[in-house]
Amino acid sequence: MSIRKTFWGFLAILVASGLGANLTRDEFYYRVSYMIGILILASFIWAFMSIKGIQISRFARVTRQQVGQLFDETIEVENEYRLARLWLEVRDKTPLPGSSGSRVLSWIQGKSIRSYSVYTLLIQRGNFSLGPTIISSGDPFGMFAFSKVIPGERTLLVLPYSVDLNAFPFPSGLLPGGRALRRRSLEVTPHAAGVREYVYGDSLNRIHWPTTARRDRLMVKEFDQDPLADVWVFLDSCQNGHIRSNDPLDIPKLGQKWFWWSQREEFRLFPSTYEYSVSAAASIVKYFIRQGQSVGFVSVGQLYVNLPAERGERQLGKVLETLAFLKNDGQLPLQGLVASQVGYLPRGSIVVLITPLVRDDVILAIEELVLRDMRPIVVVIDPHSFGSPSRAEPLIDKLFSRGIPTAVIRKDANLKESLEENITSKAA
C-alpha cells in the first residue's frame, strides 16, 4: 500500500475541523469531521478492494524466436468479482528490451475479461522472463494505492539474428567421396563399421536383427564418419578484440503490428562487432547444416564452449542456443584458441574464423591451420566502421595474396550480401 499526497490534504482538513469543533463547539465542524473521516475510511476500503479478484494472464504463441523478429504477446486482465473497477494500472516489468506491455485500463466491469496485444521488436539475444507484472489501483479521490505483483511463469528464448545464405565457399579439394574415415560416428551414415552389444540409450533403429537372433542378445550397428569434411566455426570472443559503436540504436515502440511489417526492412543489429560476429556465426552454421555437413563450434567467452561436429537440425539448435547466451568476456585471443584446438581437428576440415582483429595474429592462426592441412575461411568484422582507427584493408590484402577466402562485414551492411557476394567474388 502507498499513501498519496491527497491523503495528507484530507487529513489536515480532518485535524483542523476536529480542533475547530473542540474550540467552538460548532455543529458545522463536527459534520465536516465526520464527513472527512467517513471519506478517508471509504477510500481506504475502496482502494483495498480495487485489486481483489483481479487476475493477470500472459499468452504467447511462440516463446522461441530470433533477433529481428516480432514478438506477439497477449495480456489478459480478468475481474472475478461483480464489483466494477474504475481504473487499473498494469505495469510490465519484463527485462525484454523495448517491451511496451504497460497499460492503464478504465472501467472494467464485473465478471468480465479485458485483453490487449503487445508487439515487441526483438533486438537482444538471451533468455527473458515474461514478467513480473504489477497491477495497481486506488480510490477515486487518489488517497491510497494498492499493488499486487504477479510473477512471470514463462520465458522467451531469443536466438541470434541470422540470414539464409544461398552460397558460401567450399575450398578446393574437399569434395564428397573417397574412403570412409575410420572414426566412429554417433550418427547413422552409409558406412557401416561393425556391430556391438546394445547399451542403454542406443536408438532402436540401429539394432542389427540377424546378429541379435544369432547371438541371442541385442546387438547394434556402428558406423564410420562420412568422408565429407567437417566444418568448424571459431568465434573470437576475446574481450579485448571487440568494440561497440557510440551511435545510439533506436528501439521502435510498436503500437500496431502493421507498422512493423511496413518498416521491416529497416531492422539493424546492435552496433557492436560482437553482435555482428554472433549473427555471422549463426548464419554460417545454418548454411552448412542445411547442406548436410557436420558442423562443430568453438569459442571461449564467459565459458569454454566446444560442440563436437554433428549434422542435423538438432545440432543447429544447440549452436543457436549456445550463441544466445554467449558473451565476449573471454581472455583467450584467436591465435591461442586456434592453437589449443587445431591438434584435435580432423585433417582436411574447413575452419571458419570470425573475428574483428586486423592484426597479424590472424595470419599466424591461418598459417598454423594450413600447416595442419586445414582449409581456412576468414570472416572479418571491419572495426573501422564501428569507430576504431584500425583498418581491415591491410589484413584483407594479405589474406587474398595467400588465397584465403575472406568476407568483410561492415556496420549497417547487409549481412547476407556481405557473406555471399564479398567472399565468392574474391575467392572465385
Protein backbone atom coordinates (compact mmCIF):
# COMPACT_ATOMS: atom_id res chain seq x y z
CA MET A 1 0.00 0.00 0.00
CA SER A 2 1.16 3.54 -0.73
CA ILE A 3 -0.26 6.79 0.65
CA ARG A 4 -0.50 9.67 -1.78
CA LYS A 5 -0.27 13.40 -1.22
CA THR A 6 -4.03 13.84 -1.44
CA PHE A 7 -4.44 11.87 1.78
CA TRP A 8 -2.39 14.37 3.75
CA GLY A 9 -4.57 17.20 2.48
CA PHE A 10 -7.76 15.45 3.66
CA LEU A 11 -6.04 14.55 6.94
CA ALA A 12 -5.15 18.22 7.51
CA ILE A 13 -8.79 19.18 6.95
CA LEU A 14 -9.87 16.46 9.40
CA VAL A 15 -7.46 17.72 12.07
CA ALA A 16 -8.44 21.33 11.52
CA SER A 17 -12.17 20.56 11.72
CA GLY A 18 -11.58 18.49 14.86
CA LEU A 19 -9.76 21.39 16.51
CA GLY A 20 -12.49 23.79 15.43
CA ALA A 21 -15.16 21.51 16.91
CA ASN A 22 -13.33 21.34 20.24
CA LEU A 23 -12.78 25.08 20.42
CA THR A 24 -16.08 26.42 19.15
CA ARG A 25 -18.47 23.50 19.66
CA ASP A 26 -19.95 24.50 16.32
CA GLU A 27 -22.04 21.75 14.66
CA PHE A 28 -20.52 22.61 11.26
CA TYR A 29 -17.07 21.45 12.32
CA TYR A 30 -18.49 18.21 13.68
CA ARG A 31 -20.20 17.48 10.39
CA VAL A 32 -17.04 18.22 8.42
CA SER A 33 -15.03 15.94 10.73
CA TYR A 34 -17.49 13.08 10.36
CA MET A 35 -17.68 13.53 6.60
CA ILE A 36 -13.89 13.61 6.11
CA GLY A 37 -13.39 10.64 8.45
CA ILE A 38 -16.00 8.56 6.60
CA LEU A 39 -14.49 9.64 3.27
CA ILE A 40 -11.00 8.53 4.31
CA LEU A 41 -12.29 5.19 5.60
CA ALA A 42 -14.37 4.60 2.47
CA SER A 43 -11.41 5.50 0.25
CA PHE A 44 -9.20 3.01 2.08
CA ILE A 45 -11.76 0.22 1.70
CA TRP A 46 -12.30 1.11 -1.96
CA ALA A 47 -8.55 1.07 -2.70
CA PHE A 48 -8.12 -2.18 -0.78
CA MET A 49 -10.87 -3.87 -2.78
CA SER A 50 -9.73 -2.39 -6.10
CA ILE A 51 -7.17 -5.15 -6.80
CA LYS A 52 -9.03 -8.01 -5.11
CA GLY A 53 -10.21 -10.62 -7.56
CA ILE A 54 -8.01 -9.30 -10.38
CA GLN A 55 -6.01 -11.92 -12.27
CA ILE A 56 -3.39 -11.34 -14.96
CA SER A 57 -2.54 -13.94 -17.62
CA ARG A 58 0.08 -13.63 -20.36
CA PHE A 59 -0.14 -15.68 -23.55
CA ALA A 60 2.40 -16.04 -26.34
CA ARG A 61 2.03 -18.44 -29.25
CA VAL A 62 5.81 -18.71 -29.70
CA THR A 63 8.41 -18.49 -26.94
CA ARG A 64 11.44 -19.20 -29.11
CA GLN A 65 12.29 -16.53 -31.69
CA GLN A 66 15.32 -14.78 -33.13
CA VAL A 67 16.59 -11.23 -33.05
CA GLY A 68 14.86 -9.12 -35.66
CA GLN A 69 11.52 -10.88 -35.38
CA LEU A 70 8.31 -9.55 -33.87
CA PHE A 71 7.24 -11.00 -30.53
CA ASP A 72 3.46 -11.07 -30.19
CA GLU A 73 2.06 -11.39 -26.67
CA THR A 74 -1.45 -11.07 -25.28
CA ILE A 75 -2.05 -9.79 -21.74
CA GLU A 76 -5.44 -10.71 -20.29
CA VAL A 77 -6.97 -8.97 -17.25
CA GLU A 78 -9.84 -10.80 -15.55
CA ASN A 79 -12.17 -9.27 -12.96
CA GLU A 80 -13.53 -12.19 -10.93
CA TYR A 81 -15.79 -10.07 -8.68
CA ARG A 82 -19.08 -8.43 -9.56
CA LEU A 83 -17.65 -5.11 -8.41
CA ALA A 84 -16.65 -2.91 -11.36
CA ARG A 85 -13.23 -1.22 -11.29
CA LEU A 86 -12.87 2.40 -12.29
CA TRP A 87 -9.26 2.07 -13.39
CA LEU A 88 -6.41 -0.38 -13.20
CA GLU A 89 -2.74 0.15 -14.00
CA VAL A 90 -0.79 -2.77 -15.49
CA ARG A 91 3.00 -2.37 -15.31
CA ASP A 92 5.09 -4.79 -17.32
CA LYS A 93 8.43 -5.40 -15.58
CA THR A 94 9.82 -7.92 -18.04
CA PRO A 95 13.55 -7.35 -18.77
CA LEU A 96 12.88 -7.70 -22.51
CA PRO A 97 14.25 -4.52 -24.16
CA GLY A 98 11.64 -2.41 -25.89
CA SER A 99 8.70 -4.12 -24.22
CA SER A 100 5.61 -1.89 -24.06
CA GLY A 101 3.16 -4.01 -22.13
CA SER A 102 2.25 -1.36 -19.56
CA ARG A 103 -1.27 0.00 -19.81
CA VAL A 104 -3.90 1.94 -17.83
CA LEU A 105 -7.32 0.33 -18.23
CA SER A 106 -10.54 2.12 -17.33
CA TRP A 107 -13.95 0.83 -16.29
CA ILE A 108 -13.50 -2.91 -16.05
CA GLN A 109 -16.94 -4.36 -15.49
CA GLY A 110 -17.63 -7.13 -13.01
CA LYS A 111 -17.19 -10.73 -14.17
CA SER A 112 -15.50 -9.58 -17.36
CA ILE A 113 -12.19 -10.02 -19.18
CA ARG A 114 -10.17 -7.27 -20.83
CA SER A 115 -7.23 -8.15 -23.08
CA TYR A 116 -4.76 -6.33 -25.29
CA SER A 117 -1.85 -7.28 -27.52
CA VAL A 118 1.77 -6.23 -27.14
CA TYR A 119 4.24 -6.24 -30.04
CA THR A 120 7.95 -6.09 -29.32
CA LEU A 121 10.79 -5.93 -31.82
CA LEU A 122 13.46 -8.32 -30.54
CA ILE A 123 16.86 -6.62 -30.54
CA GLN A 124 18.77 -8.55 -27.89
CA ARG A 125 19.52 -12.26 -27.68
CA GLY A 126 19.18 -14.20 -24.45
CA ASN A 127 16.54 -15.66 -22.17
CA PHE A 128 13.90 -13.28 -20.80
CA SER A 129 11.20 -13.84 -18.23
CA LEU A 130 7.71 -12.77 -19.31
CA GLY A 131 7.07 -10.87 -16.14
CA PRO A 132 6.75 -9.98 -13.37
CA THR A 133 3.58 -7.96 -13.87
CA ILE A 134 2.46 -5.38 -11.31
CA ILE A 135 -1.20 -4.37 -11.07
CA SER A 136 -2.18 -1.35 -9.02
CA SER A 137 -5.30 0.72 -8.39
CA GLY A 138 -6.73 3.09 -5.84
CA ASP A 139 -9.72 5.14 -4.79
CA PRO A 140 -11.44 7.90 -6.80
CA PHE A 141 -10.00 10.63 -4.56
CA GLY A 142 -6.40 9.49 -5.00
CA MET A 143 -5.59 8.97 -1.33
CA PHE A 144 -4.47 5.31 -1.35
CA ALA A 145 -2.99 2.88 -3.88
CA PHE A 146 -2.63 -0.87 -3.56
CA SER A 147 -0.44 -3.06 -5.73
CA LYS A 148 0.00 -6.75 -6.37
CA VAL A 149 2.97 -8.45 -8.02
CA ILE A 150 2.28 -11.41 -10.27
CA PRO A 151 5.49 -13.32 -11.06
CA GLY A 152 6.32 -14.42 -14.58
CA GLU A 153 5.68 -18.08 -15.29
CA ARG A 154 7.09 -18.36 -18.83
CA THR A 155 10.30 -17.32 -20.54
CA LEU A 156 11.19 -16.18 -24.02
CA LEU A 157 14.35 -17.50 -25.67
CA VAL A 158 15.71 -15.02 -28.20
CA LEU A 159 18.15 -16.63 -30.63
CA PRO A 160 20.75 -14.58 -32.53
CA TYR A 161 19.88 -12.88 -35.78
CA SER A 162 20.69 -14.99 -38.84
CA VAL A 163 20.12 -14.92 -42.58
CA ASP A 164 19.59 -17.70 -45.11
CA LEU A 165 22.67 -17.89 -47.31
CA ASN A 166 22.45 -19.14 -50.87
CA ALA A 167 26.19 -19.61 -51.30
CA PHE A 168 29.33 -19.98 -49.25
CA PRO A 169 32.73 -21.26 -50.42
CA PHE A 170 33.86 -24.86 -50.30
CA PRO A 171 37.64 -24.66 -50.58
CA SER A 172 39.15 -26.77 -53.35
CA GLY A 173 39.97 -30.41 -52.72
CA LEU A 174 37.09 -31.04 -50.33
CA LEU A 175 34.62 -32.96 -52.42
CA PRO A 176 32.35 -35.79 -51.28
CA GLY A 177 33.53 -39.34 -51.93
CA GLY A 178 36.63 -41.37 -51.25
CA ARG A 179 37.33 -43.82 -48.47
CA ALA A 180 35.32 -43.72 -45.28
CA LEU A 181 37.09 -42.17 -42.32
CA ARG A 182 37.92 -44.74 -39.67
CA ARG A 183 36.38 -42.75 -36.88
CA ARG A 184 33.26 -43.81 -35.08
CA SER A 185 30.17 -41.68 -35.59
CA LEU A 186 27.21 -41.23 -33.29
CA GLU A 187 25.01 -40.73 -36.34
CA VAL A 188 23.78 -43.18 -38.95
CA THR A 189 25.95 -42.93 -42.09
CA PRO A 190 26.20 -45.08 -45.24
CA HIS A 191 29.45 -46.56 -43.92
CA ALA A 192 28.79 -49.47 -41.54
CA ALA A 193 31.79 -50.41 -39.39
CA GLY A 194 30.54 -53.41 -37.39
CA VAL A 195 28.30 -54.40 -34.51
CA ARG A 196 28.50 -54.24 -30.74
CA GLU A 197 26.30 -55.06 -27.77
CA TYR A 198 23.33 -52.84 -27.07
CA VAL A 199 23.88 -50.10 -24.47
CA TYR A 200 21.08 -48.29 -22.68
CA GLY A 201 20.25 -45.20 -24.71
CA ASP A 202 21.02 -46.64 -28.14
CA SER A 203 18.36 -45.98 -30.76
CA LEU A 204 16.20 -48.99 -31.59
CA ASN A 205 16.57 -48.37 -35.32
CA ARG A 206 20.27 -49.26 -35.03
CA ILE A 207 19.61 -52.80 -33.82
CA HIS A 208 21.02 -55.43 -36.20
CA TRP A 209 18.36 -58.12 -36.00
CA PRO A 210 20.17 -61.00 -37.78
CA THR A 211 23.13 -60.74 -35.37
CA THR A 212 20.73 -60.29 -32.44
CA ALA A 213 18.91 -63.51 -33.36
CA ARG A 214 22.17 -65.42 -33.85
CA ARG A 215 23.76 -64.33 -30.55
CA ASP A 216 20.52 -64.21 -28.56
CA ARG A 217 21.16 -60.72 -27.24
CA LEU A 218 20.62 -57.21 -28.59
CA MET A 219 23.35 -56.04 -30.96
CA VAL A 220 23.54 -52.62 -32.62
CA LYS A 221 25.33 -51.37 -35.72
CA GLU A 222 28.30 -48.98 -35.58
CA PHE A 223 29.12 -46.51 -38.33
CA ASP A 224 32.19 -44.67 -39.57
CA GLN A 225 32.06 -40.96 -40.30
CA ASP A 226 31.18 -39.80 -43.77
CA PRO A 227 34.23 -38.83 -45.89
CA LEU A 228 32.83 -35.34 -46.39
CA ALA A 229 34.99 -32.89 -44.45
CA ASP A 230 33.81 -31.42 -41.17
CA VAL A 231 33.19 -27.69 -40.78
CA TRP A 232 34.41 -25.93 -37.65
CA VAL A 233 33.32 -22.41 -36.78
CA PHE A 234 35.68 -20.49 -34.46
CA LEU A 235 34.13 -17.38 -32.92
CA ASP A 236 36.53 -14.85 -31.43
CA SER A 237 35.00 -13.90 -28.05
CA CYS A 238 38.09 -12.24 -26.56
CA GLN A 239 37.09 -9.19 -24.58
CA ASN A 240 39.96 -7.03 -25.84
CA GLY A 241 39.19 -7.52 -29.52
CA HIS A 242 35.59 -6.29 -29.77
CA ILE A 243 34.27 -2.75 -29.78
CA ARG A 244 30.86 -1.15 -29.97
CA SER A 245 29.83 1.94 -31.85
CA ASN A 246 28.77 5.08 -30.00
CA ASP A 247 25.83 5.56 -32.34
CA PRO A 248 22.56 5.07 -30.44
CA LEU A 249 20.20 2.33 -31.52
CA ASP A 250 16.59 3.41 -31.75
CA ILE A 251 14.17 0.90 -30.28
CA PRO A 252 10.81 1.37 -32.02
CA LYS A 253 7.68 1.23 -29.91
CA LEU A 254 5.36 -0.92 -31.92
CA GLY A 255 1.82 0.09 -31.14
CA GLN A 256 0.38 -1.64 -34.18
CA LYS A 257 1.51 -4.77 -35.97
CA TRP A 258 1.10 -3.28 -39.43
CA PHE A 259 3.70 -0.64 -38.56
CA TRP A 260 6.32 -3.33 -38.01
CA TRP A 261 5.60 -5.04 -41.33
CA SER A 262 5.86 -1.74 -43.19
CA GLN A 263 9.22 -0.98 -41.57
CA ARG A 264 10.63 -4.48 -41.53
CA GLU A 265 13.49 -3.84 -43.94
CA GLU A 266 14.94 -1.15 -41.67
CA PHE A 267 15.96 -3.51 -38.87
CA ARG A 268 19.56 -3.02 -37.76
CA LEU A 269 21.74 -5.10 -35.50
CA PHE A 270 23.03 -3.66 -32.25
CA PRO A 271 26.14 -1.60 -33.21
CA SER A 272 28.73 -3.97 -31.77
CA THR A 273 31.36 -6.05 -33.55
CA TYR A 274 30.46 -8.98 -31.32
CA GLU A 275 26.77 -8.94 -32.24
CA TYR A 276 27.71 -8.92 -35.91
CA SER A 277 30.14 -11.79 -35.25
CA VAL A 278 27.46 -13.86 -33.50
CA SER A 279 24.98 -13.27 -36.31
CA ALA A 280 27.58 -14.24 -38.90
CA ALA A 281 28.35 -17.44 -36.98
CA ALA A 282 24.67 -18.35 -36.74
CA SER A 283 24.16 -17.76 -40.48
CA ILE A 284 27.20 -19.82 -41.48
CA VAL A 285 26.30 -22.73 -39.20
CA LYS A 286 22.75 -22.72 -40.56
CA TYR A 287 24.06 -22.79 -44.14
CA PHE A 288 26.42 -25.75 -43.66
CA ILE A 289 23.91 -27.72 -41.59
CA ARG A 290 21.35 -27.41 -44.36
CA GLN A 291 23.99 -28.51 -46.85
CA GLY A 292 24.28 -31.79 -44.97
CA GLN A 293 27.69 -31.01 -43.41
CA SER A 294 28.89 -31.95 -39.95
CA VAL A 295 29.43 -28.67 -38.12
CA GLY A 296 31.33 -28.03 -34.89
CA PHE A 297 31.56 -24.83 -32.91
CA VAL A 298 34.33 -23.46 -30.68
CA SER A 299 34.52 -20.25 -28.65
CA VAL A 300 35.77 -19.01 -25.30
CA GLY A 301 33.54 -16.33 -23.80
CA GLN A 302 32.36 -16.36 -20.21
CA LEU A 303 32.58 -20.16 -20.60
CA TYR A 304 34.62 -22.51 -22.74
CA VAL A 305 32.40 -23.91 -25.49
CA ASN A 306 33.33 -26.82 -27.74
CA LEU A 307 30.45 -28.50 -29.55
CA PRO A 308 31.59 -31.62 -31.46
CA ALA A 309 30.83 -31.72 -35.16
CA GLU A 310 27.40 -33.22 -35.90
CA ARG A 311 24.71 -32.99 -38.56
CA GLY A 312 21.05 -32.11 -38.47
CA GLU A 313 18.66 -29.56 -37.07
CA ARG A 314 19.39 -30.75 -33.56
CA GLN A 315 22.99 -29.56 -33.93
CA LEU A 316 21.77 -26.26 -35.37
CA GLY A 317 19.51 -25.81 -32.35
CA LYS A 318 22.40 -26.49 -29.95
CA VAL A 319 24.66 -23.95 -31.64
CA LEU A 320 21.97 -21.26 -31.78
CA GLU A 321 21.08 -21.77 -28.12
CA THR A 322 24.76 -21.52 -27.21
CA LEU A 323 25.11 -18.31 -29.21
CA ALA A 324 22.03 -16.88 -27.49
CA PHE A 325 23.86 -16.80 -24.16
CA LEU A 326 27.49 -16.33 -25.24
CA LYS A 327 29.23 -13.11 -24.20
CA ASN A 328 32.54 -11.57 -25.21
CA ASP A 329 34.06 -11.92 -21.75
CA GLY A 330 36.84 -14.27 -22.83
CA GLN A 331 40.55 -13.69 -22.25
CA LEU A 332 41.89 -16.16 -24.83
CA PRO A 333 42.83 -14.47 -28.14
CA LEU A 334 42.03 -16.01 -31.50
CA GLN A 335 45.54 -17.33 -32.11
CA GLY A 336 45.54 -19.08 -28.73
CA LEU A 337 42.08 -20.51 -29.40
CA VAL A 338 43.21 -21.98 -32.73
CA ALA A 339 46.46 -23.33 -31.25
CA SER A 340 44.57 -25.07 -28.44
CA GLN A 341 42.17 -26.85 -30.81
CA VAL A 342 43.98 -27.44 -34.08
CA GLY A 343 45.57 -30.67 -32.86
CA TYR A 344 42.14 -32.20 -32.26
CA LEU A 345 40.60 -31.32 -35.63
CA PRO A 346 40.49 -33.91 -38.44
CA ARG A 347 42.81 -33.11 -41.33
CA GLY A 348 41.04 -31.57 -44.27
CA SER A 349 38.44 -29.80 -42.16
CA ILE A 350 37.01 -26.44 -43.18
CA VAL A 351 37.74 -23.91 -40.43
CA VAL A 352 35.79 -20.63 -40.43
CA LEU A 353 37.37 -17.90 -38.30
CA ILE A 354 35.13 -14.97 -37.32
CA THR A 355 36.99 -12.07 -35.76
CA PRO A 356 37.24 -8.26 -35.60
CA LEU A 357 41.05 -8.47 -35.31
CA VAL A 358 43.04 -6.88 -38.12
CA ARG A 359 46.46 -7.71 -36.72
CA ASP A 360 49.00 -10.26 -37.89
CA ASP A 361 47.75 -12.66 -35.20
CA VAL A 362 45.12 -13.73 -37.72
CA ILE A 363 47.82 -14.54 -40.29
CA LEU A 364 49.68 -16.66 -37.73
CA ALA A 365 46.49 -18.57 -36.93
CA ILE A 366 45.86 -19.11 -40.66
CA GLU A 367 49.38 -20.41 -41.24
CA GLU A 368 49.04 -22.86 -38.39
CA LEU A 369 45.80 -24.17 -39.89
CA VAL A 370 47.35 -24.51 -43.35
CA LEU A 371 50.33 -26.42 -41.92
CA ARG A 372 47.84 -28.86 -40.38
CA ASP A 373 46.19 -29.37 -43.77
CA MET A 374 43.08 -27.39 -42.87
CA ARG A 375 41.06 -25.20 -45.26
CA PRO A 376 40.58 -21.82 -43.52
CA ILE A 377 37.98 -19.18 -44.30
CA VAL A 378 38.09 -15.80 -42.59
CA VAL A 379 35.14 -13.52 -41.81
CA VAL A 380 36.43 -10.10 -40.76
CA ILE A 381 34.18 -7.68 -38.88
CA ASP A 382 35.64 -4.35 -40.00
CA PRO A 383 36.38 -2.44 -36.76
CA HIS A 384 36.90 0.87 -38.58
CA SER A 385 33.21 1.04 -39.49
CA PHE A 386 32.41 0.85 -35.75
CA GLY A 387 34.62 3.83 -34.89
CA SER A 388 38.00 2.14 -34.39
CA PRO A 389 41.09 3.73 -36.02
CA SER A 390 42.23 0.26 -37.18
CA ARG A 391 41.51 -0.58 -40.81
CA ALA A 392 40.88 -4.03 -42.24
CA GLU A 393 42.33 -3.44 -45.75
CA PRO A 394 45.97 -4.42 -44.97
CA LEU A 395 44.87 -7.72 -43.42
CA ILE A 396 42.44 -8.42 -46.26
CA ASP A 397 45.20 -7.88 -48.85
CA LYS A 398 47.44 -10.37 -47.05
CA LEU A 399 44.67 -12.96 -46.89
CA PHE A 400 43.84 -12.55 -50.57
CA SER A 401 47.51 -12.85 -51.52
CA ARG A 402 47.56 -16.21 -49.73
CA GLY A 403 44.39 -17.33 -51.49
CA ILE A 404 42.35 -17.43 -48.28
CA PRO A 405 38.62 -16.85 -48.92
CA THR A 406 37.68 -13.75 -46.95
CA ALA A 407 34.45 -11.95 -46.21
CA VAL A 408 34.23 -8.45 -44.79
CA ILE A 409 31.23 -7.28 -42.76
CA ARG A 410 30.81 -3.61 -42.03
CA LYS A 411 28.44 -1.76 -39.74
CA ASP A 412 24.92 -1.39 -41.18
CA ALA A 413 25.86 -3.53 -44.18
CA ASN A 414 23.52 -6.24 -45.45
CA LEU A 415 24.71 -9.41 -43.70
CA LYS A 416 23.53 -11.75 -46.44
CA GLU A 417 25.26 -9.80 -49.20
CA SER A 418 28.44 -9.44 -47.16
CA LEU A 419 28.73 -13.18 -46.60
CA GLU A 420 27.73 -14.16 -50.14
CA GLU A 421 28.96 -11.54 -52.59
CA ASN A 422 32.18 -10.37 -50.99
CA ILE A 423 33.53 -13.80 -50.28
CA THR A 424 32.50 -15.54 -53.51
CA SER A 425 33.61 -12.76 -55.81
CA LYS A 426 37.07 -12.52 -54.26
CA ALA A 427 37.57 -16.26 -53.90
CA ALA A 428 36.42 -17.11 -57.42
